[in-house]
Amino acid sequence: MPARPRPPQPRRKAMASSSLIALAGTLGALALAVIQPTSALAHPAEPAPAPASRAVAPDDEVPAPPPTYQAGGVTVDEHLGAQVPLDARFRTQDGALVRLGDVLRGDLPAILTFNYSDCPMLCSVQLNGLTAALPRVGAPAPLPAAIASGSAADSRSAVFRVGAQFRIVTIDLEPTESLEKARAMRARYLARLPEDQRSTAQAGWTFLVAATPGDAAAIRRVADAVGFRYTYVRDRAEWAHPAALILLSAAGVVTRYLYGIEFDPAALRESIYKAGLAEPAAALGFLLRCYHFDPNANSHTRAGVSALRIAAAGFAILLFSALAVMHRSRRTRRPPPAAPNGVS
């Protein structure tokens, strides 16, 4: 009776070896991903704002972030009727040293925004949404008062154009922002406006940077006055901040908050109109915040990441040890005995 052939042991070992090598590759990639350190970038120290308590309707309530959430205080604490500090000093995009009151001088209401040129997400989206709505706001349309009255006989209409009926003031959150960057950012958004509105907008849209590079005191004063809470995320070299348009009367008094990145032209017209009358109005839109989650932002996730790093390193050591033993055993393995005669 012919002898039964031996099971293909080398093939089984080769398959096991391939599986172990694939597993080693996966664990190695995991180890590299979790062991890679996070580098911190230097920046002037900024005090962390205290979390704001804001009354909301029961059906609009949003669960509070955990206490360790680094941007938990980034929000808007509405201060309707608050006066902005008119003596706060800045430099315009052209380098002129001014007070905020100099920029707001006159009888025009204003839209106040807080942005900066290197913002990775929300600033450009918010200002794109604003400049997309401005052409329609600047087209002739019935006055908000005429729409509210519902009277067909009241056919008054008006246009609301930057530099003519209202102004925009953008305060740069980055205290080290250069005038070149501020000018480039302003030019980029002015270029999005129709040509027939661009010339007046150039006089009516002012970008303000810190009067002394690196000194954020005036920026913080204005932000605190209107309840705009923001913080610097050192590990990412970014400012965590909300997205809000803040309407001011001609005297620099807060009349309304518009949240979000897209703005309904009718709501924007009404907000400008009421700001011109110094009439406060309820906020509109949904509050968005510009912030990237950082797993190193709190102690709990740091402990979890550290445990994952240790586990991945341990798996890698065990796996490479097993592969080394396997390799040595294959080298020292004796050749199998010869098959009996007649068996191939």
C-alpha atoms as a PDB file:
ATOM      1  CA  MET A   1       0.000   0.000   0.000  1.00  0.00           C
ATOM      2  CA  PRO A   2       1.573   3.262  -1.054  1.00  0.00           C
ATOM      3  CA  ALA A   3       2.362   5.662   1.774  1.00  0.00           C
ATOM      4  CA  ARG A   4       0.183   8.773   2.150  1.00  0.00           C
ATOM      5  CA  PRO A   5       1.953  11.915   1.030  1.00  0.00           C
ATOM      6  CA  ARG A   6       2.992  14.344   3.748  1.00  0.00           C
ATOM      7  CA  PRO A   7       0.854  17.433   4.249  1.00  0.00           C
ATOM      8  CA  PRO A   8       2.344  20.489   2.571  1.00  0.00           C
ATOM      9  CA  GLN A   9       3.903  21.821   5.789  1.00  0.00           C
ATOM     10  CA  PRO A  10       6.130  24.426   4.104  1.00  0.00           C
ATOM     11  CA  ARG A  11       3.120  25.893   2.335  1.00  0.00           C
ATOM     12  CA  ARG A  12       1.196  26.144   5.598  1.00  0.00           C
ATOM     13  CA  LYS A  13       4.142  27.879   7.212  1.00  0.00           C
ATOM     14  CA  ALA A  14       4.458  30.205   4.266  1.00  0.00           C
ATOM     15  CA  MET A  15       0.779  31.128   4.573  1.00  0.00           C
ATOM     16  CA  ALA A  16       1.146  31.687   8.317  1.00  0.00           C
ATOM     17  CA  SER A  17       4.251  33.759   7.681  1.00  0.00           C
ATOM     18  CA  SER A  18       2.376  35.899   5.122  1.00  0.00           C
ATOM     19  CA  SER A  19      -0.471  36.485   7.570  1.00  0.00           C
ATOM     20  CA  LEU A  20       1.958  37.472  10.303  1.00  0.00           C
ATOM     21  CA  ILE A  21       3.791  39.842   7.961  1.00  0.00           C
ATOM     22  CA  ALA A  22       0.486  41.476   6.961  1.00  0.00           C
ATOM     23  CA  LEU A  23      -0.427  41.826  10.633  1.00  0.00           C
ATOM     24  CA  ALA A  24       3.000  43.285  11.317  1.00  0.00           C
ATOM     25  CA  GLY A  25       2.484  45.891   8.601  1.00  0.00           C
ATOM     26  CA  THR A  26      -0.874  46.905  10.057  1.00  0.00           C
ATOM     27  CA  LEU A  27       0.461  47.162  13.602  1.00  0.00           C
ATOM     28  CA  GLY A  28       3.552  48.989  12.429  1.00  0.00           C
ATOM     29  CA  ALA A  29       1.429  51.599  10.647  1.00  0.00           C
ATOM     30  CA  LEU A  30      -0.701  51.945  13.783  1.00  0.00           C
ATOM     31  CA  ALA A  31       2.390  52.384  15.935  1.00  0.00           C
ATOM     32  CA  LEU A  32       3.783  55.064  13.645  1.00  0.00           C
ATOM     33  CA  ALA A  33       0.460  56.904  13.586  1.00  0.00           C
ATOM     34  CA  VAL A  34       0.083  57.054  17.346  1.00  0.00           C
ATOM     35  CA  ILE A  35       3.749  57.525  18.291  1.00  0.00           C
ATOM     36  CA  GLN A  36       4.260  60.551  16.059  1.00  0.00           C
ATOM     37  CA  PRO A  37       4.572  63.601  18.369  1.00  0.00           C
ATOM     38  CA  THR A  38       2.669  66.854  18.031  1.00  0.00           C
ATOM     39  CA  SER A  39       4.804  69.976  17.697  1.00  0.00           C
ATOM     40  CA  ALA A  40       3.837  73.212  19.437  1.00  0.00           C
ATOM     41  CA  LEU A  41       4.141  76.552  17.700  1.00  0.00           C
ATOM     42  CA  ALA A  42       5.111  79.719  19.516  1.00  0.00           C
ATOM     43  CA  HIS A  43       2.690  82.638  19.795  1.00  0.00           C
ATOM     44  CA  PRO A  44       2.011  85.459  22.244  1.00  0.00           C
ATOM     45  CA  ALA A  45       0.160  84.140  25.277  1.00  0.00           C
ATOM     46  CA  GLU A  46      -3.589  84.734  25.259  1.00  0.00           C
ATOM     47  CA  PRO A  47      -5.772  84.417  28.343  1.00  0.00           C
ATOM     48  CA  ALA A  48      -8.372  81.689  27.999  1.00  0.00           C
ATOM     49  CA  PRO A  49     -11.910  83.132  28.074  1.00  0.00           C
ATOM     50  CA  ALA A  50     -14.296  81.913  30.711  1.00  0.00           C
ATOM     51  CA  PRO A  51     -17.179  79.770  29.441  1.00  0.00           C
ATOM     52  CA  ALA A  52     -20.193  81.940  28.787  1.00  0.00           C
ATOM     53  CA  SER A  53     -23.652  81.151  30.095  1.00  0.00           C
ATOM     54  CA  ARG A  54     -26.277  82.066  27.543  1.00  0.00           C
ATOM     55  CA  ALA A  55     -29.994  81.599  27.954  1.00  0.00           C
ATOM     56  CA  VAL A  56     -31.563  79.467  25.250  1.00  0.00           C
ATOM     57  CA  ALA A  57     -35.017  78.156  24.589  1.00  0.00           C
ATOM     58  CA  PRO A  58     -35.604  74.586  25.873  1.00  0.00           C
ATOM     59  CA  ASP A  59     -36.021  73.197  22.350  1.00  0.00           C
ATOM     60  CA  ASP A  60     -32.830  74.942  21.181  1.00  0.00           C
ATOM     61  CA  GLU A  61     -30.640  73.714  24.038  1.00  0.00           C
ATOM     62  CA  VAL A  62     -27.354  72.140  22.952  1.00  0.00           C
ATOM     63  CA  PRO A  63     -25.444  69.808  25.316  1.00  0.00           C
ATOM     64  CA  ALA A  64     -22.450  71.562  26.852  1.00  0.00           C
ATOM     65  CA  PRO A  65     -19.001  70.325  25.798  1.00  0.00           C
ATOM     66  CA  PRO A  66     -16.928  68.436  28.390  1.00  0.00           C
ATOM     67  CA  PRO A  67     -14.878  70.568  30.837  1.00  0.00           C
ATOM     68  CA  THR A  68     -11.640  69.469  29.156  1.00  0.00           C
ATOM     69  CA  TYR A  69     -12.769  70.714  25.729  1.00  0.00           C
ATOM     70  CA  GLN A  70     -10.159  73.343  24.859  1.00  0.00           C
ATOM     71  CA  ALA A  71     -12.557  75.638  22.987  1.00  0.00           C
ATOM     72  CA  GLY A  72     -15.495  75.255  25.352  1.00  0.00           C
ATOM     73  CA  GLY A  73     -15.622  79.023  25.961  1.00  0.00           C
ATOM     74  CA  VAL A  74     -15.648  79.905  22.255  1.00  0.00           C
ATOM     75  CA  THR A  75     -19.115  81.353  21.744  1.00  0.00           C
ATOM     76  CA  VAL A  76     -21.035  84.627  21.606  1.00  0.00           C
ATOM     77  CA  ASP A  77     -22.460  86.099  24.790  1.00  0.00           C
ATOM     78  CA  GLU A  78     -25.015  88.521  23.366  1.00  0.00           C
ATOM     79  CA  HIS A  79     -24.720  92.078  24.657  1.00  0.00           C
ATOM     80  CA  LEU A  80     -27.594  93.913  22.992  1.00  0.00           C
ATOM     81  CA  GLY A  81     -27.340  97.614  23.724  1.00  0.00           C
ATOM     82  CA  ALA A  82     -23.635  97.426  24.621  1.00  0.00           C
ATOM     83  CA  GLN A  83     -21.332 100.255  23.560  1.00  0.00           C
ATOM     84  CA  VAL A  84     -18.122  99.335  21.736  1.00  0.00           C
ATOM     85  CA  PRO A  85     -14.988 101.105  23.053  1.00  0.00           C
ATOM     86  CA  LEU A  86     -14.632 104.009  20.649  1.00  0.00           C
ATOM     87  CA  ASP A  87     -11.187 104.885  22.032  1.00  0.00           C
ATOM     88  CA  ALA A  88      -9.665 101.489  21.143  1.00  0.00           C
ATOM     89  CA  ARG A  89      -6.656 102.073  18.885  1.00  0.00           C
ATOM     90  CA  PHE A  90      -5.857 100.159  15.706  1.00  0.00           C
ATOM     91  CA  ARG A  91      -4.130 100.540  12.383  1.00  0.00           C
ATOM     92  CA  THR A  92      -6.085 100.440   9.157  1.00  0.00           C
ATOM     93  CA  GLN A  93      -5.033  98.209   6.266  1.00  0.00           C
ATOM     94  CA  ASP A  94      -3.178 101.270   4.915  1.00  0.00           C
ATOM     95  CA  GLY A  95      -1.191 101.735   8.132  1.00  0.00           C
ATOM     96  CA  ALA A  96      -3.032 104.774   9.503  1.00  0.00           C
ATOM     97  CA  LEU A  97      -3.260 104.878  13.309  1.00  0.00           C
ATOM     98  CA  VAL A  98      -6.937 105.372  14.209  1.00  0.00           C
ATOM     99  CA  ARG A  99      -9.420 104.944  17.008  1.00  0.00           C
ATOM    100  CA  LEU A 100     -12.467 102.758  16.474  1.00  0.00           C
ATOM    101  CA  GLY A 101     -14.597 105.880  16.897  1.00  0.00           C
ATOM    102  CA  ASP A 102     -12.799 107.486  13.928  1.00  0.00           C
ATOM    103  CA  VAL A 103     -13.832 104.580  11.704  1.00  0.00           C
ATOM    104  CA  LEU A 104     -17.445 104.652  12.960  1.00  0.00           C
ATOM    105  CA  ARG A 105     -17.733 108.446  12.755  1.00  0.00           C
ATOM    106  CA  GLY A 106     -20.829 109.682  10.913  1.00  0.00           C
ATOM    107  CA  ASP A 107     -24.442 108.601  10.718  1.00  0.00           C
ATOM    108  CA  LEU A 108     -24.027 105.187   9.097  1.00  0.00           C
ATOM    109  CA  PRO A 109     -24.686 101.889  10.895  1.00  0.00           C
ATOM    110  CA  ALA A 110     -21.995  99.232  10.691  1.00  0.00           C
ATOM    111  CA  ILE A 111     -21.447  95.488  10.424  1.00  0.00           C
ATOM    112  CA  LEU A 112     -18.629  94.359  12.703  1.00  0.00           C
ATOM    113  CA  THR A 113     -16.762  91.100  11.963  1.00  0.00           C
ATOM    114  CA  PHE A 114     -13.776  89.342  13.541  1.00  0.00           C
ATOM    115  CA  ASN A 115     -11.534  87.426  11.127  1.00  0.00           C
ATOM    116  CA  TYR A 116      -7.893  86.803  10.206  1.00  0.00           C
ATOM    117  CA  SER A 117      -6.090  85.970   6.985  1.00  0.00           C
ATOM    118  CA  ASP A 118      -4.687  82.511   7.870  1.00  0.00           C
ATOM    119  CA  CYS A 119      -7.948  81.109   9.207  1.00  0.00           C
ATOM    120  CA  PRO A 120      -8.191  77.532   7.863  1.00  0.00           C
ATOM    121  CA  MET A 121     -11.967  77.313   7.662  1.00  0.00           C
ATOM    122  CA  LEU A 122     -14.621  79.691   8.874  1.00  0.00           C
ATOM    123  CA  CYS A 123     -13.334  83.195   8.098  1.00  0.00           C
ATOM    124  CA  SER A 124     -13.192  82.819   4.334  1.00  0.00           C
ATOM    125  CA  VAL A 125     -16.497  80.938   4.234  1.00  0.00           C
ATOM    126  CA  GLN A 126     -18.198  83.586   6.360  1.00  0.00           C
ATOM    127  CA  LEU A 127     -16.856  86.536   4.334  1.00  0.00           C
ATOM    128  CA  ASN A 128     -17.676  84.743   1.082  1.00  0.00           C
ATOM    129  CA  GLY A 129     -21.250  84.381   2.330  1.00  0.00           C
ATOM    130  CA  LEU A 130     -21.380  88.062   3.252  1.00  0.00           C
ATOM    131  CA  THR A 131     -20.022  89.267  -0.098  1.00  0.00           C
ATOM    132  CA  ALA A 132     -22.436  86.927  -1.888  1.00  0.00           C
ATOM    133  CA  ALA A 133     -25.381  88.620  -0.155  1.00  0.00           C
ATOM    134  CA  LEU A 134     -24.174  92.229  -0.551  1.00  0.00           C
ATOM    135  CA  PRO A 135     -25.061  92.632  -4.271  1.00  0.00           C
ATOM    136  CA  ARG A 136     -28.678  91.674  -3.592  1.00  0.00           C
ATOM    137  CA  VAL A 137     -28.766  93.921  -0.534  1.00  0.00           C
ATOM    138  CA  GLY A 138     -27.464  96.735  -2.741  1.00  0.00           C
ATOM    139  CA  ALA A 139     -30.210  96.277  -5.348  1.00  0.00           C
ATOM    140  CA  PRO A 140     -33.423  98.385  -5.103  1.00  0.00           C
ATOM    141  CA  ALA A 141     -36.050  96.656  -2.965  1.00  0.00           C
ATOM    142  CA  PRO A 142     -38.945  97.664  -0.690  1.00  0.00           C
ATOM    143  CA  LEU A 143     -37.959  98.973   2.691  1.00  0.00           C
ATOM    144  CA  PRO A 144     -38.327  96.468   5.540  1.00  0.00           C
ATOM    145  CA  ALA A 145     -40.866  98.827   7.130  1.00  0.00           C
ATOM    146  CA  ALA A 146     -42.967  98.740   3.947  1.00  0.00           C
ATOM    147  CA  ILE A 147     -42.840  94.928   3.884  1.00  0.00           C
ATOM    148  CA  ALA A 148     -43.823  94.740   7.556  1.00  0.00           C
ATOM    149  CA  SER A 149     -46.799  97.094   7.073  1.00  0.00           C
ATOM    150  CA  GLY A 150     -48.220  94.918   4.279  1.00  0.00           C
ATOM    151  CA  SER A 151     -49.664  97.990   2.652  1.00  0.00           C
ATOM    152  CA  ALA A 152     -49.727  97.943  -1.144  1.00  0.00           C
ATOM    153  CA  ALA A 153     -49.848 101.751  -1.099  1.00  0.00           C
ATOM    154  CA  ASP A 154     -46.523 101.883   0.721  1.00  0.00           C
ATOM    155  CA  SER A 155     -44.160 101.252  -2.170  1.00  0.00           C
ATOM    156  CA  ARG A 156     -41.051 102.877  -0.738  1.00  0.00           C
ATOM    157  CA  SER A 157     -37.848 101.193  -1.809  1.00  0.00           C
ATOM    158  CA  ALA A 158     -34.184 101.715  -1.087  1.00  0.00           C
ATOM    159  CA  VAL A 159     -30.734 100.299  -1.655  1.00  0.00           C
ATOM    160  CA  PHE A 160     -28.227  99.362   1.051  1.00  0.00           C
ATOM    161  CA  ARG A 161     -24.675  99.607  -0.220  1.00  0.00           C
ATOM    162  CA  VAL A 162     -21.372  99.424   1.624  1.00  0.00           C
ATOM    163  CA  GLY A 163     -19.909 102.905   1.982  1.00  0.00           C
ATOM    164  CA  ALA A 164     -23.173 104.652   1.141  1.00  0.00           C
ATOM    165  CA  GLN A 165     -25.879 103.369   3.504  1.00  0.00           C
ATOM    166  CA  PHE A 166     -23.723 101.331   5.925  1.00  0.00           C
ATOM    167  CA  ARG A 167     -20.110 100.359   6.545  1.00  0.00           C
ATOM    168  CA  ILE A 168     -18.262  97.152   7.399  1.00  0.00           C
ATOM    169  CA  VAL A 169     -15.466  96.991   9.969  1.00  0.00           C
ATOM    170  CA  THR A 170     -13.367  93.817  10.121  1.00  0.00           C
ATOM    171  CA  ILE A 171     -11.083  93.491  13.146  1.00  0.00           C
ATOM    172  CA  ASP A 172      -8.173  91.093  12.643  1.00  0.00           C
ATOM    173  CA  LEU A 173      -7.981  88.509  15.437  1.00  0.00           C
ATOM    174  CA  GLU A 174      -4.292  87.840  14.798  1.00  0.00           C
ATOM    175  CA  PRO A 175      -2.313  90.522  16.699  1.00  0.00           C
ATOM    176  CA  THR A 176       0.816  89.897  14.597  1.00  0.00           C
ATOM    177  CA  GLU A 177      -1.023  90.247  11.268  1.00  0.00           C
ATOM    178  CA  SER A 178       0.945  92.287   8.741  1.00  0.00           C
ATOM    179  CA  LEU A 179      -0.540  95.190   6.833  1.00  0.00           C
ATOM    180  CA  GLU A 180       0.245  93.371   3.576  1.00  0.00           C
ATOM    181  CA  LYS A 181      -1.914  90.415   4.578  1.00  0.00           C
ATOM    182  CA  ALA A 182      -4.725  92.695   5.743  1.00  0.00           C
ATOM    183  CA  ARG A 183      -4.672  94.608   2.455  1.00  0.00           C
ATOM    184  CA  ALA A 184      -4.635  91.386   0.432  1.00  0.00           C
ATOM    185  CA  MET A 185      -7.578  89.955   2.383  1.00  0.00           C
ATOM    186  CA  ARG A 186      -9.589  93.161   1.946  1.00  0.00           C
ATOM    187  CA  ALA A 187      -8.832  93.330  -1.786  1.00  0.00           C
ATOM    188  CA  ARG A 188      -9.880  89.696  -2.231  1.00  0.00           C
ATOM    189  CA  TYR A 189     -13.377  90.310  -0.874  1.00  0.00           C
ATOM    190  CA  LEU A 190     -13.863  93.707  -2.476  1.00  0.00           C
ATOM    191  CA  ALA A 191     -13.137  92.046  -5.823  1.00  0.00           C
ATOM    192  CA  ARG A 192     -16.179  89.805  -5.319  1.00  0.00           C
ATOM    193  CA  LEU A 193     -18.547  92.786  -5.394  1.00  0.00           C
ATOM    194  CA  PRO A 194     -20.107  94.137  -8.602  1.00  0.00           C
ATOM    195  CA  GLU A 195     -18.085  96.896 -10.266  1.00  0.00           C
ATOM    196  CA  ASP A 196     -20.799  99.490  -9.701  1.00  0.00           C
ATOM    197  CA  GLN A 197     -20.597  98.872  -5.929  1.00  0.00           C
ATOM    198  CA  ARG A 198     -16.851  98.401  -5.608  1.00  0.00           C
ATOM    199  CA  SER A 199     -15.742 102.043  -5.524  1.00  0.00           C
ATOM    200  CA  THR A 200     -18.012 103.020  -2.621  1.00  0.00           C
ATOM    201  CA  ALA A 201     -17.219  99.746  -0.827  1.00  0.00           C
ATOM    202  CA  GLN A 202     -13.509 100.572  -0.876  1.00  0.00           C
ATOM    203  CA  ALA A 203     -14.238 103.589   1.304  1.00  0.00           C
ATOM    204  CA  GLY A 204     -16.818 101.792   3.444  1.00  0.00           C
ATOM    205  CA  TRP A 205     -15.056  98.519   4.323  1.00  0.00           C
ATOM    206  CA  THR A 206     -12.162  98.966   6.748  1.00  0.00           C
ATOM    207  CA  PHE A 207      -9.817  96.258   8.010  1.00  0.00           C
ATOM    208  CA  LEU A 208      -8.225  96.961  11.384  1.00  0.00           C
ATOM    209  CA  VAL A 209      -5.086  95.325  12.801  1.00  0.00           C
ATOM    210  CA  ALA A 210      -3.327  95.756  16.139  1.00  0.00           C
ATOM    211  CA  ALA A 211      -1.848  99.221  16.572  1.00  0.00           C
ATOM    212  CA  THR A 212       1.359  97.622  17.854  1.00  0.00           C
ATOM    213  CA  PRO A 213       2.178  94.222  16.331  1.00  0.00           C
ATOM    214  CA  GLY A 214       1.669  91.529  18.947  1.00  0.00           C
ATOM    215  CA  ASP A 215      -0.464  93.692  21.260  1.00  0.00           C
ATOM    216  CA  ALA A 216      -3.944  92.136  21.364  1.00  0.00           C
ATOM    217  CA  ALA A 217      -5.374  94.399  24.095  1.00  0.00           C
ATOM    218  CA  ALA A 218      -7.561  96.539  21.814  1.00  0.00           C
ATOM    219  CA  ILE A 219      -8.809  93.491  19.894  1.00  0.00           C
ATOM    220  CA  ARG A 220      -9.774  91.826  23.157  1.00  0.00           C
ATOM    221  CA  ARG A 221     -11.470  94.999  24.456  1.00  0.00           C
ATOM    222  CA  VAL A 222     -13.803  95.241  21.482  1.00  0.00           C
ATOM    223  CA  ALA A 223     -14.490  91.492  21.460  1.00  0.00           C
ATOM    224  CA  ASP A 224     -15.320  91.493  25.165  1.00  0.00           C
ATOM    225  CA  ALA A 225     -17.617  94.496  24.747  1.00  0.00           C
ATOM    226  CA  VAL A 226     -19.759  92.680  22.158  1.00  0.00           C
ATOM    227  CA  GLY A 227     -19.478  89.234  23.809  1.00  0.00           C
ATOM    228  CA  PHE A 228     -17.358  87.658  21.066  1.00  0.00           C
ATOM    229  CA  ARG A 229     -15.346  84.927  22.815  1.00  0.00           C
ATOM    230  CA  TYR A 230     -12.323  83.382  21.151  1.00  0.00           C
ATOM    231  CA  THR A 231      -9.057  81.701  22.138  1.00  0.00           C
ATOM    232  CA  TYR A 232      -5.686  80.754  20.683  1.00  0.00           C
ATOM    233  CA  VAL A 233      -4.977  77.050  20.112  1.00  0.00           C
ATOM    234  CA  ARG A 234      -1.212  76.923  20.504  1.00  0.00           C
ATOM    235  CA  ASP A 235      -0.680  73.362  19.253  1.00  0.00           C
ATOM    236  CA  ARG A 236      -2.323  74.217  15.915  1.00  0.00           C
ATOM    237  CA  ALA A 237      -1.300  77.901  15.724  1.00  0.00           C
ATOM    238  CA  GLU A 238      -4.945  78.815  15.075  1.00  0.00           C
ATOM    239  CA  TRP A 239      -7.625  81.004  16.585  1.00  0.00           C
ATOM    240  CA  ALA A 240     -10.762  79.185  17.715  1.00  0.00           C
ATOM    241  CA  HIS A 241     -13.651  81.601  17.240  1.00  0.00           C
ATOM    242  CA  PRO A 242     -17.352  81.787  16.364  1.00  0.00           C
ATOM    243  CA  ALA A 243     -18.807  83.113  13.104  1.00  0.00           C
ATOM    244  CA  ALA A 244     -20.989  86.181  13.704  1.00  0.00           C
ATOM    245  CA  LEU A 245     -21.910  89.477  12.112  1.00  0.00           C
ATOM    246  CA  ILE A 246     -22.514  92.103  14.776  1.00  0.00           C
ATOM    247  CA  LEU A 247     -24.734  95.026  13.774  1.00  0.00           C
ATOM    248  CA  LEU A 248     -23.888  98.407  15.294  1.00  0.00           C
ATOM    249  CA  SER A 249     -25.795 101.655  15.286  1.00  0.00           C
ATOM    250  CA  ALA A 250     -24.085 104.845  14.104  1.00  0.00           C
ATOM    251  CA  ALA A 251     -23.118 105.490  17.741  1.00  0.00           C
ATOM    252  CA  GLY A 252     -21.435 102.068  18.033  1.00  0.00           C
ATOM    253  CA  VAL A 253     -24.185 100.326  20.021  1.00  0.00           C
ATOM    254  CA  VAL A 254     -24.915  96.625  19.414  1.00  0.00           C
ATOM    255  CA  THR A 255     -28.346  96.135  17.813  1.00  0.00           C
ATOM    256  CA  ARG A 256     -28.285  92.560  16.454  1.00  0.00           C
ATOM    257  CA  TYR A 257     -26.271  89.371  15.929  1.00  0.00           C
ATOM    258  CA  LEU A 258     -26.378  87.370  12.697  1.00  0.00           C
ATOM    259  CA  TYR A 259     -24.845  83.896  12.923  1.00  0.00           C
ATOM    260  CA  GLY A 260     -23.704  81.455  10.276  1.00  0.00           C
ATOM    261  CA  ILE A 261     -21.935  81.513   6.924  1.00  0.00           C
ATOM    262  CA  GLU A 262     -24.845  82.299   4.601  1.00  0.00           C
ATOM    263  CA  PHE A 263     -26.994  85.374   5.014  1.00  0.00           C
ATOM    264  CA  ASP A 264     -30.489  85.905   3.700  1.00  0.00           C
ATOM    265  CA  PRO A 265     -30.488  89.269   1.855  1.00  0.00           C
ATOM    266  CA  ALA A 266     -33.891  90.210   3.276  1.00  0.00           C
ATOM    267  CA  ALA A 267     -32.719  89.537   6.828  1.00  0.00           C
ATOM    268  CA  LEU A 268     -29.498  91.448   6.201  1.00  0.00           C
ATOM    269  CA  ARG A 269     -31.427  94.423   4.797  1.00  0.00           C
ATOM    270  CA  GLU A 270     -33.743  94.418   7.808  1.00  0.00           C
ATOM    271  CA  SER A 271     -30.779  94.211  10.190  1.00  0.00           C
ATOM    272  CA  ILE A 272     -29.014  97.161   8.557  1.00  0.00           C
ATOM    273  CA  TYR A 273     -32.250  99.148   8.507  1.00  0.00           C
ATOM    274  CA  LYS A 274     -32.899  98.548  12.211  1.00  0.00           C
ATOM    275  CA  ALA A 275     -29.284  99.327  13.067  1.00  0.00           C
ATOM    276  CA  GLY A 276     -29.739 102.665  11.303  1.00  0.00           C
ATOM    277  CA  LEU A 277     -32.705 103.329  13.608  1.00  0.00           C
ATOM    278  CA  ALA A 278     -30.696 102.086  16.652  1.00  0.00           C
ATOM    279  CA  GLU A 279     -33.448  99.533  17.168  1.00  0.00           C
ATOM    280  CA  PRO A 280     -32.383  96.229  18.824  1.00  0.00           C
ATOM    281  CA  ALA A 281     -33.548  92.946  17.315  1.00  0.00           C
ATOM    282  CA  ALA A 282     -33.346  89.256  18.170  1.00  0.00           C
ATOM    283  CA  ALA A 283     -30.429  87.230  16.807  1.00  0.00           C
ATOM    284  CA  LEU A 284     -30.812  85.157  13.662  1.00  0.00           C
ATOM    285  CA  GLY A 285     -29.030  82.050  12.383  1.00  0.00           C
ATOM    286  CA  PHE A 286     -27.059  79.217  13.938  1.00  0.00           C
ATOM    287  CA  LEU A 287     -23.814  79.713  15.802  1.00  0.00           C
ATOM    288  CA  LEU A 288     -20.819  78.006  14.179  1.00  0.00           C
ATOM    289  CA  ARG A 289     -17.329  77.786  15.645  1.00  0.00           C
ATOM    290  CA  CYS A 290     -13.983  77.515  13.875  1.00  0.00           C
ATOM    291  CA  TYR A 291     -12.037  74.864  15.789  1.00  0.00           C
ATOM    292  CA  HIS A 292     -10.143  71.665  14.906  1.00  0.00           C
ATOM    293  CA  PHE A 293     -10.351  68.829  17.419  1.00  0.00           C
ATOM    294  CA  ASP A 294      -6.938  68.030  18.863  1.00  0.00           C
ATOM    295  CA  PRO A 295      -6.580  64.659  20.652  1.00  0.00           C
ATOM    296  CA  ASN A 296      -3.830  66.193  22.814  1.00  0.00           C
ATOM    297  CA  ALA A 297      -6.140  68.959  24.057  1.00  0.00           C
ATOM    298  CA  ASN A 298      -7.010  67.304  27.390  1.00  0.00           C
ATOM    299  CA  SER A 299      -5.582  64.888  29.907  1.00  0.00           C
ATOM    300  CA  HIS A 300      -8.166  62.154  29.328  1.00  0.00           C
ATOM    301  CA  THR A 301      -7.386  61.713  25.649  1.00  0.00           C
ATOM    302  CA  ARG A 302      -3.671  62.085  26.328  1.00  0.00           C
ATOM    303  CA  ALA A 303      -3.874  59.107  28.708  1.00  0.00           C
ATOM    304  CA  GLY A 304      -5.797  57.085  26.125  1.00  0.00           C
ATOM    305  CA  VAL A 305      -3.332  57.919  23.366  1.00  0.00           C
ATOM    306  CA  SER A 306      -0.407  57.032  25.634  1.00  0.00           C
ATOM    307  CA  ALA A 307      -1.979  53.655  26.424  1.00  0.00           C
ATOM    308  CA  LEU A 308      -2.535  53.036  22.716  1.00  0.00           C
ATOM    309  CA  ARG A 309       1.086  53.888  21.981  1.00  0.00           C
ATOM    310  CA  ILE A 310       2.340  51.456  24.623  1.00  0.00           C
ATOM    311  CA  ALA A 311       0.023  48.701  23.401  1.00  0.00           C
ATOM    312  CA  ALA A 312       1.067  49.211  19.774  1.00  0.00           C
ATOM    313  CA  ALA A 313       4.753  49.172  20.714  1.00  0.00           C
ATOM    314  CA  GLY A 314       4.250  45.971  22.748  1.00  0.00           C
ATOM    315  CA  PHE A 315       2.462  44.258  19.869  1.00  0.00           C
ATOM    316  CA  ALA A 316       5.217  45.292  17.483  1.00  0.00           C
ATOM    317  CA  ILE A 317       7.943  43.889  19.772  1.00  0.00           C
ATOM    318  CA  LEU A 318       6.111  40.583  20.253  1.00  0.00           C
ATOM    319  CA  LEU A 319       5.407  40.254  16.564  1.00  0.00           C
ATOM    320  CA  PHE A 320       8.967  40.949  15.466  1.00  0.00           C
ATOM    321  CA  SER A 321      10.250  38.500  18.107  1.00  0.00           C
ATOM    322  CA  ALA A 322       7.933  35.797  16.764  1.00  0.00           C
ATOM    323  CA  LEU A 323       9.073  36.472  13.217  1.00  0.00           C
ATOM    324  CA  ALA A 324      12.726  36.221  14.310  1.00  0.00           C
ATOM    325  CA  VAL A 325      12.123  32.844  16.002  1.00  0.00           C
ATOM    326  CA  MET A 326      10.303  31.603  12.908  1.00  0.00           C
ATOM    327  CA  HIS A 327      13.119  32.695  10.655  1.00  0.00           C
ATOM    328  CA  ARG A 328      15.731  30.965  12.845  1.00  0.00           C
ATOM    329  CA  SER A 329      13.721  27.717  12.993  1.00  0.00           C
ATOM    330  CA  ARG A 330      13.416  27.645   9.191  1.00  0.00           C
ATOM    331  CA  ARG A 331      17.169  28.019   8.796  1.00  0.00           C
ATOM    332  CA  THR A 332      17.967  25.207  11.227  1.00  0.00           C
ATOM    333  CA  ARG A 333      15.227  22.842  10.024  1.00  0.00           C
ATOM    334  CA  ARG A 334      16.543  19.493   8.704  1.00  0.00           C
ATOM    335  CA  PRO A 335      15.399  18.333   5.261  1.00  0.00           C
ATOM    336  CA  PRO A 336      12.498  15.846   5.352  1.00  0.00           C
ATOM    337  CA  PRO A 337      13.346  12.100   4.973  1.00  0.00           C
ATOM    338  CA  ALA A 338      13.280  10.694   1.484  1.00  0.00           C
ATOM    339  CA  ALA A 339       9.976   9.263   0.301  1.00  0.00           C
ATOM    340  CA  PRO A 340       9.657   5.447   0.023  1.00  0.00           C
ATOM    341  CA  ASN A 341      10.363   3.832  -3.311  1.00  0.00           C
ATOM    342  CA  GLY A 342       7.544   4.238  -5.747  1.00  0.00           C
ATOM    343  CA  VAL A 343       6.138   7.315  -4.002  1.00  0.00           C
ATOM    344  CA  SER A 344       6.682  10.593  -5.686  1.00  0.00           C
END
